[in-house]
């Protein structure tokens, strides 16, 4: 496996370098498993008859097992072909595409999920416009990302990249971390009013994970959105 530190920060090729680690609960993407579980908790069961969930930046489909039994057809969009191959094997209808230009119809989705992708995109307003465009009236947008703050740069990069369970070195470019005011404003422009809440890994669970007594670490709420946070909001309009 190539050392991701040989690449520029946020180079998408890192996901090919780490292709064998997607489903390893102790691999380079361990925290993505924890975040997928927390993200799925914000997704309600589908309407009677089923629904469509679009997973932007789906990676290898880590959200899929967390949605089991909720009644959605799970469509995942990502640029990394090696990750999409694994997503298909976990029941995701995989679409290779740019999250700033999603090849799906307006208003097709009951739920759009943007998990740990917004802090990787160079054009945040374009991606948010696409996420909102895909939602039917009354549809739900669910996201999690990293705030554009000095504290987040220290915690999510300087510290976390050196800790077990933290992100692989170089996977994030802090210059792309998300301005929360811009996030809210752009979503509101497209009819989605977001509510945000800060989250972090449970310290107790993290100790159990480090001791190999657990494979999953719960994400718990914190009173600040200045580092890692979730967002949820519905598109304006009658639900049909």
C-alpha atoms as a PDB file:
ATOM      1  CA  UNK A   1       0.000   0.000   0.000  1.00  0.00           C
ATOM      2  CA  UNK A   2       1.324   3.440  -0.902  1.00  0.00           C
ATOM      3  CA  UNK A   3       2.012   5.878   1.893  1.00  0.00           C
ATOM      4  CA  UNK A   4      -0.730   8.514   1.599  1.00  0.00           C
ATOM      5  CA  UNK A   5       1.701  11.094   2.933  1.00  0.00           C
ATOM      6  CA  UNK A   6       3.497  10.904  -0.446  1.00  0.00           C
ATOM      7  CA  UNK A   7       0.434  12.471  -2.057  1.00  0.00           C
ATOM      8  CA  UNK A   8      -0.920  15.991  -1.775  1.00  0.00           C
ATOM      9  CA  UNK A   9      -3.533  16.541   0.907  1.00  0.00           C
ATOM     10  CA  UNK A  10      -7.047  15.591  -0.228  1.00  0.00           C
ATOM     11  CA  UNK A  11      -5.740  13.726  -3.298  1.00  0.00           C
ATOM     12  CA  UNK A  12      -8.565  11.319  -4.303  1.00  0.00           C
ATOM     13  CA  UNK A  13      -5.947   8.730  -5.204  1.00  0.00           C
ATOM     14  CA  UNK A  14      -5.519   8.100  -1.475  1.00  0.00           C
ATOM     15  CA  UNK A  15      -8.761   6.113  -1.525  1.00  0.00           C
ATOM     16  CA  UNK A  16      -7.269   3.743  -4.094  1.00  0.00           C
ATOM     17  CA  UNK A  17      -4.149   3.438  -1.934  1.00  0.00           C
ATOM     18  CA  UNK A  18      -6.329   2.442   1.027  1.00  0.00           C
ATOM     19  CA  UNK A  19      -8.836   0.291  -0.861  1.00  0.00           C
ATOM     20  CA  UNK A  20      -8.242  -2.753   1.360  1.00  0.00           C
ATOM     21  CA  UNK A  21      -9.040  -0.814   4.538  1.00  0.00           C
ATOM     22  CA  UNK A  22     -12.617   0.305   3.871  1.00  0.00           C
ATOM     23  CA  UNK A  23     -14.337  -2.527   5.725  1.00  0.00           C
ATOM     24  CA  UNK A  24     -11.655  -3.120   8.371  1.00  0.00           C
ATOM     25  CA  UNK A  25     -13.133  -1.803  11.663  1.00  0.00           C
ATOM     26  CA  UNK A  26      -9.568  -1.080  12.808  1.00  0.00           C
ATOM     27  CA  UNK A  27      -8.194   0.148   9.507  1.00  0.00           C
ATOM     28  CA  UNK A  28      -7.546   3.608   8.142  1.00  0.00           C
ATOM     29  CA  UNK A  29     -11.253   4.318   7.818  1.00  0.00           C
ATOM     30  CA  UNK A  30     -12.289   3.136  11.291  1.00  0.00           C
ATOM     31  CA  UNK A  31     -13.865   6.451  12.219  1.00  0.00           C
ATOM     32  CA  UNK A  32     -15.960   6.431   9.044  1.00  0.00           C
ATOM     33  CA  UNK A  33     -17.713   3.333  10.428  1.00  0.00           C
ATOM     34  CA  UNK A  34     -18.535   5.221  13.624  1.00  0.00           C
ATOM     35  CA  UNK A  35     -19.820   8.225  11.691  1.00  0.00           C
ATOM     36  CA  UNK A  36     -21.909   6.051   9.370  1.00  0.00           C
ATOM     37  CA  UNK A  37     -23.709   4.592  12.373  1.00  0.00           C
ATOM     38  CA  UNK A  38     -24.407   8.063  13.773  1.00  0.00           C
ATOM     39  CA  UNK A  39     -25.568   9.288  10.363  1.00  0.00           C
ATOM     40  CA  UNK A  40     -27.979   6.393   9.957  1.00  0.00           C
ATOM     41  CA  UNK A  41     -29.562   7.280  13.292  1.00  0.00           C
ATOM     42  CA  UNK A  42     -30.794  10.525  11.668  1.00  0.00           C
ATOM     43  CA  UNK A  43     -32.504   8.679   8.803  1.00  0.00           C
ATOM     44  CA  UNK A  44     -36.108   7.717   9.587  1.00  0.00           C
ATOM     45  CA  UNK A  45     -37.800   4.644   8.100  1.00  0.00           C
ATOM     46  CA  UNK A  46     -39.006   5.128   4.525  1.00  0.00           C
ATOM     47  CA  UNK A  47     -42.607   5.866   3.694  1.00  0.00           C
ATOM     48  CA  UNK A  48     -44.914   2.906   3.045  1.00  0.00           C
ATOM     49  CA  UNK A  49     -43.939   1.411  -0.286  1.00  0.00           C
ATOM     50  CA  UNK A  50     -40.281   2.363   0.109  1.00  0.00           C
ATOM     51  CA  UNK A  51     -38.147   5.353  -0.710  1.00  0.00           C
ATOM     52  CA  UNK A  52     -34.961   6.426  -2.459  1.00  0.00           C
ATOM     53  CA  UNK A  53     -31.870   7.487  -0.516  1.00  0.00           C
ATOM     54  CA  UNK A  54     -28.991   9.112  -2.400  1.00  0.00           C
ATOM     55  CA  UNK A  55     -25.630   8.783  -0.657  1.00  0.00           C
ATOM     56  CA  UNK A  56     -23.215  11.457  -1.912  1.00  0.00           C
ATOM     57  CA  UNK A  57     -19.573  10.443  -1.542  1.00  0.00           C
ATOM     58  CA  UNK A  58     -20.683   6.943  -0.574  1.00  0.00           C
ATOM     59  CA  UNK A  59     -17.199   5.416  -0.664  1.00  0.00           C
ATOM     60  CA  UNK A  60     -17.384   1.656  -0.197  1.00  0.00           C
ATOM     61  CA  UNK A  61     -20.960   1.790   1.091  1.00  0.00           C
ATOM     62  CA  UNK A  62     -20.313   1.853   4.837  1.00  0.00           C
ATOM     63  CA  UNK A  63     -23.775   3.307   5.408  1.00  0.00           C
ATOM     64  CA  UNK A  64     -25.541   0.348   3.781  1.00  0.00           C
ATOM     65  CA  UNK A  65     -25.662  -2.101   6.723  1.00  0.00           C
ATOM     66  CA  UNK A  66     -26.857   0.708   9.002  1.00  0.00           C
ATOM     67  CA  UNK A  67     -29.865   1.313   6.747  1.00  0.00           C
ATOM     68  CA  UNK A  68     -30.943  -2.325   6.599  1.00  0.00           C
ATOM     69  CA  UNK A  69     -34.651  -2.687   7.266  1.00  0.00           C
ATOM     70  CA  UNK A  70     -35.466   1.016   6.803  1.00  0.00           C
ATOM     71  CA  UNK A  71     -37.043   0.476   3.394  1.00  0.00           C
ATOM     72  CA  UNK A  72     -34.825   2.528   1.079  1.00  0.00           C
ATOM     73  CA  UNK A  73     -33.298   1.851  -2.279  1.00  0.00           C
ATOM     74  CA  UNK A  74     -29.735   3.006  -1.595  1.00  0.00           C
ATOM     75  CA  UNK A  75     -28.053   4.823  -4.495  1.00  0.00           C
ATOM     76  CA  UNK A  76     -24.433   5.815  -3.936  1.00  0.00           C
ATOM     77  CA  UNK A  77     -22.490   8.430  -5.899  1.00  0.00           C
ATOM     78  CA  UNK A  78     -18.696   8.574  -5.810  1.00  0.00           C
ATOM     79  CA  UNK A  79     -15.714   9.182  -8.093  1.00  0.00           C
ATOM     80  CA  UNK A  80     -13.556   6.306  -6.797  1.00  0.00           C
ATOM     81  CA  UNK A  81     -14.194   3.186  -8.875  1.00  0.00           C
ATOM     82  CA  UNK A  82     -12.428   0.847  -6.455  1.00  0.00           C
ATOM     83  CA  UNK A  83     -14.656   2.007  -3.604  1.00  0.00           C
ATOM     84  CA  UNK A  84     -17.807   1.712  -5.724  1.00  0.00           C
ATOM     85  CA  UNK A  85     -16.953  -1.912  -6.539  1.00  0.00           C
ATOM     86  CA  UNK A  86     -17.134  -2.647  -2.815  1.00  0.00           C
ATOM     87  CA  UNK A  87     -20.313  -0.577  -2.376  1.00  0.00           C
ATOM     88  CA  UNK A  88     -22.061  -2.716  -5.005  1.00  0.00           C
ATOM     89  CA  UNK A  89     -21.139  -5.841  -3.083  1.00  0.00           C
ATOM     90  CA  UNK A  90     -22.957  -4.382  -0.063  1.00  0.00           C
ATOM     91  CA  UNK A  91     -26.207  -3.715  -1.908  1.00  0.00           C
ATOM     92  CA  UNK A  92     -25.645  -0.127  -3.042  1.00  0.00           C
ATOM     93  CA  UNK A  93     -26.764   0.893  -6.530  1.00  0.00           C
ATOM     94  CA  UNK A  94     -23.451   2.564  -7.366  1.00  0.00           C
ATOM     95  CA  UNK A  95     -23.151   5.538  -9.727  1.00  0.00           C
ATOM     96  CA  UNK A  96     -19.751   6.896 -10.671  1.00  0.00           C
ATOM     97  CA  UNK A  97     -20.043  10.650 -10.743  1.00  0.00           C
ATOM     98  CA  UNK A  98     -19.047  14.026  -9.351  1.00  0.00           C
ATOM     99  CA  UNK A  99     -21.096  15.167  -6.352  1.00  0.00           C
ATOM    100  CA  UNK A 100     -21.111  18.663  -7.890  1.00  0.00           C
ATOM    101  CA  UNK A 101     -22.816  17.279 -11.034  1.00  0.00           C
ATOM    102  CA  UNK A 102     -24.917  14.305  -9.972  1.00  0.00           C
ATOM    103  CA  UNK A 103     -26.413  12.344 -12.907  1.00  0.00           C
ATOM    104  CA  UNK A 104     -29.819  11.890 -11.245  1.00  0.00           C
ATOM    105  CA  UNK A 105     -33.179  13.615 -11.740  1.00  0.00           C
ATOM    106  CA  UNK A 106     -34.495  16.627  -9.836  1.00  0.00           C
ATOM    107  CA  UNK A 107     -36.588  15.706  -6.807  1.00  0.00           C
ATOM    108  CA  UNK A 108     -35.855  12.002  -7.061  1.00  0.00           C
ATOM    109  CA  UNK A 109     -34.811  11.393  -3.459  1.00  0.00           C
ATOM    110  CA  UNK A 110     -36.647  11.031  -0.181  1.00  0.00           C
ATOM    111  CA  UNK A 111     -33.326  11.376   1.641  1.00  0.00           C
ATOM    112  CA  UNK A 112     -29.971  12.767   0.528  1.00  0.00           C
ATOM    113  CA  UNK A 113     -26.972  11.968   2.684  1.00  0.00           C
ATOM    114  CA  UNK A 114     -23.666  13.856   2.442  1.00  0.00           C
ATOM    115  CA  UNK A 115     -21.406  12.189   4.987  1.00  0.00           C
ATOM    116  CA  UNK A 116     -17.773  13.234   5.337  1.00  0.00           C
ATOM    117  CA  UNK A 117     -17.702  14.595   1.803  1.00  0.00           C
ATOM    118  CA  UNK A 118     -18.304  18.344   2.116  1.00  0.00           C
ATOM    119  CA  UNK A 119     -14.853  18.947   3.627  1.00  0.00           C
ATOM    120  CA  UNK A 120     -13.296  17.416   0.499  1.00  0.00           C
ATOM    121  CA  UNK A 121     -14.971  19.464  -2.255  1.00  0.00           C
ATOM    122  CA  UNK A 122     -13.535  22.643  -3.811  1.00  0.00           C
ATOM    123  CA  UNK A 123     -16.972  24.113  -4.664  1.00  0.00           C
ATOM    124  CA  UNK A 124     -19.175  23.755  -1.581  1.00  0.00           C
ATOM    125  CA  UNK A 125     -22.115  25.829  -2.914  1.00  0.00           C
ATOM    126  CA  UNK A 126     -22.311  23.670  -6.058  1.00  0.00           C
ATOM    127  CA  UNK A 127     -22.435  20.448  -4.054  1.00  0.00           C
ATOM    128  CA  UNK A 128     -25.061  21.793  -1.674  1.00  0.00           C
ATOM    129  CA  UNK A 129     -27.161  22.972  -4.619  1.00  0.00           C
ATOM    130  CA  UNK A 130     -27.017  19.458  -6.063  1.00  0.00           C
ATOM    131  CA  UNK A 131     -27.909  17.833  -2.749  1.00  0.00           C
ATOM    132  CA  UNK A 132     -30.968  20.064  -2.395  1.00  0.00           C
ATOM    133  CA  UNK A 133     -31.929  19.679  -6.065  1.00  0.00           C
ATOM    134  CA  UNK A 134     -32.167  15.914  -5.649  1.00  0.00           C
ATOM    135  CA  UNK A 135     -34.621  16.173  -2.751  1.00  0.00           C
ATOM    136  CA  UNK A 136     -38.359  15.955  -3.317  1.00  0.00           C
ATOM    137  CA  UNK A 137     -40.444  18.529  -1.411  1.00  0.00           C
ATOM    138  CA  UNK A 138     -40.394  17.431   2.217  1.00  0.00           C
ATOM    139  CA  UNK A 139     -37.317  15.293   1.610  1.00  0.00           C
ATOM    140  CA  UNK A 140     -34.574  15.105   4.239  1.00  0.00           C
ATOM    141  CA  UNK A 141     -30.942  16.226   3.931  1.00  0.00           C
ATOM    142  CA  UNK A 142     -28.520  14.595   6.388  1.00  0.00           C
ATOM    143  CA  UNK A 143     -24.846  15.518   6.587  1.00  0.00           C
ATOM    144  CA  UNK A 144     -21.753  15.440   8.745  1.00  0.00           C
ATOM    145  CA  UNK A 145     -18.525  17.312   8.197  1.00  0.00           C
ATOM    146  CA  UNK A 146     -15.711  19.327   9.782  1.00  0.00           C
ATOM    147  CA  UNK A 147     -15.976  23.012  10.678  1.00  0.00           C
ATOM    148  CA  UNK A 148     -13.675  25.683   9.256  1.00  0.00           C
ATOM    149  CA  UNK A 149     -12.151  26.721  12.576  1.00  0.00           C
ATOM    150  CA  UNK A 150      -8.667  26.881  14.056  1.00  0.00           C
ATOM    151  CA  UNK A 151      -9.787  24.373  16.699  1.00  0.00           C
ATOM    152  CA  UNK A 152     -10.893  21.896  14.019  1.00  0.00           C
ATOM    153  CA  UNK A 153      -7.574  22.204  12.218  1.00  0.00           C
ATOM    154  CA  UNK A 154      -5.748  21.271  15.420  1.00  0.00           C
ATOM    155  CA  UNK A 155      -8.128  18.501  16.517  1.00  0.00           C
ATOM    156  CA  UNK A 156      -8.974  16.928  13.146  1.00  0.00           C
ATOM    157  CA  UNK A 157      -5.546  17.211  11.531  1.00  0.00           C
ATOM    158  CA  UNK A 158      -2.677  17.881  13.922  1.00  0.00           C
ATOM    159  CA  UNK A 159      -3.988  15.582  16.661  1.00  0.00           C
ATOM    160  CA  UNK A 160      -6.370  13.095  15.017  1.00  0.00           C
ATOM    161  CA  UNK A 161      -3.996  12.062  12.232  1.00  0.00           C
ATOM    162  CA  UNK A 162      -1.604  10.797  14.917  1.00  0.00           C
ATOM    163  CA  UNK A 163      -4.170   8.787  16.892  1.00  0.00           C
ATOM    164  CA  UNK A 164      -5.439   5.220  16.406  1.00  0.00           C
ATOM    165  CA  UNK A 165      -8.841   5.376  14.757  1.00  0.00           C
ATOM    166  CA  UNK A 166      -8.168   8.853  13.409  1.00  0.00           C
ATOM    167  CA  UNK A 167      -8.106   9.756   9.710  1.00  0.00           C
ATOM    168  CA  UNK A 168      -5.188   8.651   7.525  1.00  0.00           C
ATOM    169  CA  UNK A 169      -2.450  11.292   7.316  1.00  0.00           C
ATOM    170  CA  UNK A 170      -3.116  13.711   4.491  1.00  0.00           C
ATOM    171  CA  UNK A 171      -6.713  12.666   3.820  1.00  0.00           C
ATOM    172  CA  UNK A 172      -8.005  16.160   4.701  1.00  0.00           C
ATOM    173  CA  UNK A 173      -7.004  19.582   3.444  1.00  0.00           C
ATOM    174  CA  UNK A 174      -8.039  22.004   6.216  1.00  0.00           C
ATOM    175  CA  UNK A 175      -8.441  24.770   3.645  1.00  0.00           C
ATOM    176  CA  UNK A 176     -11.614  22.963   2.530  1.00  0.00           C
ATOM    177  CA  UNK A 177     -13.189  22.642   5.973  1.00  0.00           C
ATOM    178  CA  UNK A 178     -16.755  23.892   6.033  1.00  0.00           C
ATOM    179  CA  UNK A 179     -17.863  27.386   6.995  1.00  0.00           C
ATOM    180  CA  UNK A 180     -21.058  26.770   8.957  1.00  0.00           C
ATOM    181  CA  UNK A 181     -22.581  30.119   7.997  1.00  0.00           C
ATOM    182  CA  UNK A 182     -22.037  29.384   4.309  1.00  0.00           C
ATOM    183  CA  UNK A 183     -23.439  25.884   4.770  1.00  0.00           C
ATOM    184  CA  UNK A 184     -26.638  27.155   6.338  1.00  0.00           C
ATOM    185  CA  UNK A 185     -27.009  30.040   3.909  1.00  0.00           C
ATOM    186  CA  UNK A 186     -26.562  27.930   0.783  1.00  0.00           C
ATOM    187  CA  UNK A 187     -28.963  25.234   1.981  1.00  0.00           C
ATOM    188  CA  UNK A 188     -31.550  27.884   2.916  1.00  0.00           C
ATOM    189  CA  UNK A 189     -31.254  29.360  -0.581  1.00  0.00           C
ATOM    190  CA  UNK A 190     -32.461  26.006  -1.890  1.00  0.00           C
ATOM    191  CA  UNK A 191     -35.255  25.560   0.610  1.00  0.00           C
ATOM    192  CA  UNK A 192     -33.526  23.499   3.314  1.00  0.00           C
ATOM    193  CA  UNK A 193     -33.190  24.950   6.814  1.00  0.00           C
ATOM    194  CA  UNK A 194     -30.475  23.019   8.631  1.00  0.00           C
ATOM    195  CA  UNK A 195     -30.197  22.261  12.316  1.00  0.00           C
ATOM    196  CA  UNK A 196     -26.627  21.533  13.424  1.00  0.00           C
ATOM    197  CA  UNK A 197     -25.224  19.663  16.415  1.00  0.00           C
ATOM    198  CA  UNK A 198     -21.659  18.919  17.437  1.00  0.00           C
ATOM    199  CA  UNK A 199     -20.498  15.327  17.918  1.00  0.00           C
ATOM    200  CA  UNK A 200     -17.393  13.484  19.073  1.00  0.00           C
ATOM    201  CA  UNK A 201     -16.409   9.871  19.763  1.00  0.00           C
ATOM    202  CA  UNK A 202     -17.461   8.473  23.154  1.00  0.00           C
ATOM    203  CA  UNK A 203     -14.386   8.396  25.390  1.00  0.00           C
ATOM    204  CA  UNK A 204     -15.555   5.188  27.072  1.00  0.00           C
ATOM    205  CA  UNK A 205     -16.175   3.470  23.741  1.00  0.00           C
ATOM    206  CA  UNK A 206     -12.879   4.726  22.367  1.00  0.00           C
ATOM    207  CA  UNK A 207     -11.035   3.136  25.297  1.00  0.00           C
ATOM    208  CA  UNK A 208     -12.904  -0.139  24.694  1.00  0.00           C
ATOM    209  CA  UNK A 209     -12.077   0.029  20.993  1.00  0.00           C
ATOM    210  CA  UNK A 210      -8.398   0.665  21.717  1.00  0.00           C
ATOM    211  CA  UNK A 211      -8.393  -2.331  24.072  1.00  0.00           C
ATOM    212  CA  UNK A 212     -10.017  -4.455  21.316  1.00  0.00           C
ATOM    213  CA  UNK A 213     -13.133  -4.964  23.392  1.00  0.00           C
ATOM    214  CA  UNK A 214     -15.415  -3.280  20.833  1.00  0.00           C
ATOM    215  CA  UNK A 215     -15.444  -2.705  17.072  1.00  0.00           C
ATOM    216  CA  UNK A 216     -17.684   0.356  17.049  1.00  0.00           C
ATOM    217  CA  UNK A 217     -17.373   3.685  18.841  1.00  0.00           C
ATOM    218  CA  UNK A 218     -20.546   5.694  19.409  1.00  0.00           C
ATOM    219  CA  UNK A 219     -20.597   9.349  18.446  1.00  0.00           C
ATOM    220  CA  UNK A 220     -22.063  11.471  21.231  1.00  0.00           C
ATOM    221  CA  UNK A 221     -23.378  15.066  21.195  1.00  0.00           C
ATOM    222  CA  UNK A 222     -21.277  18.000  22.383  1.00  0.00           C
ATOM    223  CA  UNK A 223     -22.330  21.628  22.959  1.00  0.00           C
ATOM    224  CA  UNK A 224     -20.163  23.046  20.158  1.00  0.00           C
ATOM    225  CA  UNK A 225     -20.151  22.598  16.380  1.00  0.00           C
ATOM    226  CA  UNK A 226     -16.626  24.015  16.137  1.00  0.00           C
ATOM    227  CA  UNK A 227     -14.978  20.694  15.179  1.00  0.00           C
ATOM    228  CA  UNK A 228     -17.113  17.797  13.948  1.00  0.00           C
ATOM    229  CA  UNK A 229     -20.832  18.262  13.447  1.00  0.00           C
ATOM    230  CA  UNK A 230     -23.994  16.805  11.952  1.00  0.00           C
ATOM    231  CA  UNK A 231     -26.752  18.653  10.125  1.00  0.00           C
ATOM    232  CA  UNK A 232     -30.306  17.764   9.150  1.00  0.00           C
ATOM    233  CA  UNK A 233     -33.155  19.624   7.472  1.00  0.00           C
ATOM    234  CA  UNK A 234     -36.113  19.088   5.163  1.00  0.00           C
ATOM    235  CA  UNK A 235     -36.699  20.716   1.807  1.00  0.00           C
ATOM    236  CA  UNK A 236     -39.585  23.142   1.877  1.00  0.00           C
ATOM    237  CA  UNK A 237     -42.842  22.070   0.270  1.00  0.00           C
ATOM    238  CA  UNK A 238     -45.629  19.605   0.851  1.00  0.00           C
ATOM    239  CA  UNK A 239     -44.675  15.976   1.270  1.00  0.00           C
ATOM    240  CA  UNK A 240     -46.212  13.826  -1.407  1.00  0.00           C
END
